[in-house]
């Protein structure tokens, strides 16, 4: 089963009762597209899930990257090749609708890359907004396990 498909099943099973189904499905479609893009080594397509704005925030490691361009550069430096990108999967997803145009998602991520004995992984919290061009991540806080 593709990692994105597993994410859809996990999220559908564990969603908060107040979350609207069509919003969940739309957000899951974005997350699924991101995982598929990552797994084929297409960083530009992966980044389409983020709001292309100077207000977009990515917090990870010991830094906060403010703005889409800074966040995208962080990804490009950290994952310069298809081999470094590896295979991404999500699990343990939880979704909550905050208001009509906002939602929060938490979950875990795993990254398996060739040549690495132990895959990387951790947890994340994503703040989503429904914008003119669909649901986009506006704030991403991703932590890595030691």
C-alpha atoms as a PDB file:
ATOM      1  CA  UNK A   1       0.000   0.000   0.000  1.00  0.00           C
ATOM      2  CA  UNK A   2       1.313   3.463  -0.875  1.00  0.00           C
ATOM      3  CA  UNK A   3       2.263   5.610   2.168  1.00  0.00           C
ATOM      4  CA  UNK A   4      -0.292   8.241   1.182  1.00  0.00           C
ATOM      5  CA  UNK A   5      -3.057   5.663   0.956  1.00  0.00           C
ATOM      6  CA  UNK A   6      -2.145   4.422   4.430  1.00  0.00           C
ATOM      7  CA  UNK A   7      -2.331   7.996   5.672  1.00  0.00           C
ATOM      8  CA  UNK A   8      -5.836   8.332   4.257  1.00  0.00           C
ATOM      9  CA  UNK A   9      -6.973   5.163   6.016  1.00  0.00           C
ATOM     10  CA  UNK A  10      -5.376   6.134   9.326  1.00  0.00           C
ATOM     11  CA  UNK A  11      -6.773   9.639   9.236  1.00  0.00           C
ATOM     12  CA  UNK A  12     -10.237   8.524   8.247  1.00  0.00           C
ATOM     13  CA  UNK A  13     -10.283   6.145  11.202  1.00  0.00           C
ATOM     14  CA  UNK A  14      -9.103   8.682  13.769  1.00  0.00           C
ATOM     15  CA  UNK A  15     -10.643  12.011  12.792  1.00  0.00           C
ATOM     16  CA  UNK A  16     -12.353  14.282  15.279  1.00  0.00           C
ATOM     17  CA  UNK A  17     -16.123  14.146  15.090  1.00  0.00           C
ATOM     18  CA  UNK A  18     -16.425  17.886  14.382  1.00  0.00           C
ATOM     19  CA  UNK A  19     -14.222  17.834  11.296  1.00  0.00           C
ATOM     20  CA  UNK A  20     -16.036  18.162   7.984  1.00  0.00           C
ATOM     21  CA  UNK A  21     -15.524  15.186   5.692  1.00  0.00           C
ATOM     22  CA  UNK A  22     -14.935  17.207   2.529  1.00  0.00           C
ATOM     23  CA  UNK A  23     -12.229  19.269   4.249  1.00  0.00           C
ATOM     24  CA  UNK A  24     -10.536  16.119   5.566  1.00  0.00           C
ATOM     25  CA  UNK A  25     -10.608  14.577   2.111  1.00  0.00           C
ATOM     26  CA  UNK A  26      -9.181  17.707   0.480  1.00  0.00           C
ATOM     27  CA  UNK A  27      -6.366  17.980   3.032  1.00  0.00           C
ATOM     28  CA  UNK A  28      -5.597  14.276   2.752  1.00  0.00           C
ATOM     29  CA  UNK A  29      -5.395  14.638  -1.020  1.00  0.00           C
ATOM     30  CA  UNK A  30      -2.726  17.321  -0.557  1.00  0.00           C
ATOM     31  CA  UNK A  31      -0.805  15.192   1.965  1.00  0.00           C
ATOM     32  CA  UNK A  32      -1.050  12.144  -0.305  1.00  0.00           C
ATOM     33  CA  UNK A  33       0.211  14.193  -3.269  1.00  0.00           C
ATOM     34  CA  UNK A  34       3.107  15.450  -1.149  1.00  0.00           C
ATOM     35  CA  UNK A  35       4.152  11.927  -0.145  1.00  0.00           C
ATOM     36  CA  UNK A  36       3.909  10.732  -3.755  1.00  0.00           C
ATOM     37  CA  UNK A  37       5.963  13.702  -4.994  1.00  0.00           C
ATOM     38  CA  UNK A  38       8.598  13.176  -2.301  1.00  0.00           C
ATOM     39  CA  UNK A  39       8.856   9.459  -3.055  1.00  0.00           C
ATOM     40  CA  UNK A  40       9.510  10.112  -6.739  1.00  0.00           C
ATOM     41  CA  UNK A  41      12.114  12.775  -5.873  1.00  0.00           C
ATOM     42  CA  UNK A  42      10.055  15.780  -7.003  1.00  0.00           C
ATOM     43  CA  UNK A  43      10.738  18.417  -4.356  1.00  0.00           C
ATOM     44  CA  UNK A  44       9.001  21.189  -6.321  1.00  0.00           C
ATOM     45  CA  UNK A  45       5.766  19.178  -6.438  1.00  0.00           C
ATOM     46  CA  UNK A  46       6.126  18.354  -2.716  1.00  0.00           C
ATOM     47  CA  UNK A  47       6.377  22.067  -1.927  1.00  0.00           C
ATOM     48  CA  UNK A  48       3.041  22.748  -3.670  1.00  0.00           C
ATOM     49  CA  UNK A  49       1.380  21.651  -0.403  1.00  0.00           C
ATOM     50  CA  UNK A  50       2.709  24.767   1.329  1.00  0.00           C
ATOM     51  CA  UNK A  51       1.310  28.285   1.087  1.00  0.00           C
ATOM     52  CA  UNK A  52       3.683  30.283  -1.102  1.00  0.00           C
ATOM     53  CA  UNK A  53       3.831  33.275   1.223  1.00  0.00           C
ATOM     54  CA  UNK A  54       6.292  35.250   3.333  1.00  0.00           C
ATOM     55  CA  UNK A  55       4.120  34.343   6.340  1.00  0.00           C
ATOM     56  CA  UNK A  56       4.558  30.565   5.973  1.00  0.00           C
ATOM     57  CA  UNK A  57       6.506  29.087   8.902  1.00  0.00           C
ATOM     58  CA  UNK A  58       8.566  25.903   9.197  1.00  0.00           C
ATOM     59  CA  UNK A  59       9.967  25.061  12.639  1.00  0.00           C
ATOM     60  CA  UNK A  60      12.315  22.105  12.808  1.00  0.00           C
ATOM     61  CA  UNK A  61      15.549  21.132  14.451  1.00  0.00           C
ATOM     62  CA  UNK A  62      16.828  24.198  16.213  1.00  0.00           C
ATOM     63  CA  UNK A  63      15.567  26.787  13.707  1.00  0.00           C
ATOM     64  CA  UNK A  64      12.426  28.577  12.646  1.00  0.00           C
ATOM     65  CA  UNK A  65      12.305  29.355   8.927  1.00  0.00           C
ATOM     66  CA  UNK A  66       9.971  32.226   8.112  1.00  0.00           C
ATOM     67  CA  UNK A  67       8.587  32.548   4.620  1.00  0.00           C
ATOM     68  CA  UNK A  68       8.031  30.016   1.861  1.00  0.00           C
ATOM     69  CA  UNK A  69      11.362  30.780   0.182  1.00  0.00           C
ATOM     70  CA  UNK A  70      13.389  30.192   3.376  1.00  0.00           C
ATOM     71  CA  UNK A  71      11.502  26.969   4.048  1.00  0.00           C
ATOM     72  CA  UNK A  72      11.975  25.741   0.469  1.00  0.00           C
ATOM     73  CA  UNK A  73      15.700  26.516   0.631  1.00  0.00           C
ATOM     74  CA  UNK A  74      15.967  24.518   3.860  1.00  0.00           C
ATOM     75  CA  UNK A  75      14.483  21.512   2.045  1.00  0.00           C
ATOM     76  CA  UNK A  76      16.757  21.990  -0.972  1.00  0.00           C
ATOM     77  CA  UNK A  77      19.896  22.123   1.198  1.00  0.00           C
ATOM     78  CA  UNK A  78      18.861  19.185   3.405  1.00  0.00           C
ATOM     79  CA  UNK A  79      17.664  16.987   0.516  1.00  0.00           C
ATOM     80  CA  UNK A  80      19.677  17.896  -2.607  1.00  0.00           C
ATOM     81  CA  UNK A  81      19.217  14.557  -4.409  1.00  0.00           C
ATOM     82  CA  UNK A  82      16.588  11.872  -4.932  1.00  0.00           C
ATOM     83  CA  UNK A  83      18.756   9.462  -2.928  1.00  0.00           C
ATOM     84  CA  UNK A  84      18.914  11.847   0.050  1.00  0.00           C
ATOM     85  CA  UNK A  85      15.131  12.269  -0.070  1.00  0.00           C
ATOM     86  CA  UNK A  86      14.471   8.562   0.407  1.00  0.00           C
ATOM     87  CA  UNK A  87      10.956   7.243   1.002  1.00  0.00           C
ATOM     88  CA  UNK A  88       8.495   9.225   3.129  1.00  0.00           C
ATOM     89  CA  UNK A  89       5.497   7.821   4.980  1.00  0.00           C
ATOM     90  CA  UNK A  90       3.038   9.158   7.540  1.00  0.00           C
ATOM     91  CA  UNK A  91       1.170   7.449  10.385  1.00  0.00           C
ATOM     92  CA  UNK A  92      -0.860   8.170  13.502  1.00  0.00           C
ATOM     93  CA  UNK A  93      -2.635  11.090  11.869  1.00  0.00           C
ATOM     94  CA  UNK A  94      -5.166  13.161  13.761  1.00  0.00           C
ATOM     95  CA  UNK A  95      -7.218  15.999  12.287  1.00  0.00           C
ATOM     96  CA  UNK A  96      -9.295  18.738  13.846  1.00  0.00           C
ATOM     97  CA  UNK A  97     -11.240  21.482  12.122  1.00  0.00           C
ATOM     98  CA  UNK A  98     -10.540  24.781  13.898  1.00  0.00           C
ATOM     99  CA  UNK A  99     -12.899  27.022  11.978  1.00  0.00           C
ATOM    100  CA  UNK A 100     -14.349  27.175   8.501  1.00  0.00           C
ATOM    101  CA  UNK A 101     -11.044  27.779   6.771  1.00  0.00           C
ATOM    102  CA  UNK A 102      -8.485  26.305   9.187  1.00  0.00           C
ATOM    103  CA  UNK A 103      -7.512  22.875  10.480  1.00  0.00           C
ATOM    104  CA  UNK A 104      -4.726  21.292  12.490  1.00  0.00           C
ATOM    105  CA  UNK A 105      -3.156  17.906  11.870  1.00  0.00           C
ATOM    106  CA  UNK A 106      -0.711  15.945  14.000  1.00  0.00           C
ATOM    107  CA  UNK A 107       1.075  12.753  13.151  1.00  0.00           C
ATOM    108  CA  UNK A 108       4.322  10.899  12.740  1.00  0.00           C
ATOM    109  CA  UNK A 109       6.694  10.720   9.788  1.00  0.00           C
ATOM    110  CA  UNK A 110       9.265   8.156   8.708  1.00  0.00           C
ATOM    111  CA  UNK A 111      11.999   8.604   6.150  1.00  0.00           C
ATOM    112  CA  UNK A 112      13.957   5.648   4.811  1.00  0.00           C
ATOM    113  CA  UNK A 113      16.986   6.538   2.684  1.00  0.00           C
ATOM    114  CA  UNK A 114      19.435   4.264   0.905  1.00  0.00           C
ATOM    115  CA  UNK A 115      22.628   3.707   2.824  1.00  0.00           C
ATOM    116  CA  UNK A 116      21.153   4.603   6.199  1.00  0.00           C
ATOM    117  CA  UNK A 117      21.087   1.880   8.826  1.00  0.00           C
ATOM    118  CA  UNK A 118      18.234   3.419  10.743  1.00  0.00           C
ATOM    119  CA  UNK A 119      15.552   5.529   9.127  1.00  0.00           C
ATOM    120  CA  UNK A 120      14.800   8.996  10.360  1.00  0.00           C
ATOM    121  CA  UNK A 121      11.473   9.994  11.789  1.00  0.00           C
ATOM    122  CA  UNK A 122       9.578  12.036  14.295  1.00  0.00           C
ATOM    123  CA  UNK A 123       6.326  13.879  14.794  1.00  0.00           C
ATOM    124  CA  UNK A 124       4.716  16.946  13.271  1.00  0.00           C
ATOM    125  CA  UNK A 125       1.947  19.471  13.696  1.00  0.00           C
ATOM    126  CA  UNK A 126       0.578  21.158  10.572  1.00  0.00           C
ATOM    127  CA  UNK A 127      -1.695  24.177  10.517  1.00  0.00           C
ATOM    128  CA  UNK A 128      -3.747  24.227   7.314  1.00  0.00           C
ATOM    129  CA  UNK A 129      -5.733  27.077   5.735  1.00  0.00           C
ATOM    130  CA  UNK A 130      -8.262  26.903   2.925  1.00  0.00           C
ATOM    131  CA  UNK A 131      -7.078  29.505   0.427  1.00  0.00           C
ATOM    132  CA  UNK A 132      -8.140  30.485  -3.083  1.00  0.00           C
ATOM    133  CA  UNK A 133      -5.954  27.712  -4.523  1.00  0.00           C
ATOM    134  CA  UNK A 134      -7.116  25.050  -2.048  1.00  0.00           C
ATOM    135  CA  UNK A 135      -5.898  23.756   1.334  1.00  0.00           C
ATOM    136  CA  UNK A 136      -2.283  24.693   2.060  1.00  0.00           C
ATOM    137  CA  UNK A 137       0.093  24.251   4.989  1.00  0.00           C
ATOM    138  CA  UNK A 138       0.792  27.642   6.572  1.00  0.00           C
ATOM    139  CA  UNK A 139       2.703  26.450   9.647  1.00  0.00           C
ATOM    140  CA  UNK A 140       4.738  23.252   9.989  1.00  0.00           C
ATOM    141  CA  UNK A 141       6.425  22.208  13.216  1.00  0.00           C
ATOM    142  CA  UNK A 142       8.358  19.010  12.642  1.00  0.00           C
ATOM    143  CA  UNK A 143      10.464  17.273  15.281  1.00  0.00           C
ATOM    144  CA  UNK A 144      12.989  14.477  14.755  1.00  0.00           C
ATOM    145  CA  UNK A 145      13.551  11.668  17.174  1.00  0.00           C
ATOM    146  CA  UNK A 146      17.083  11.421  18.580  1.00  0.00           C
END
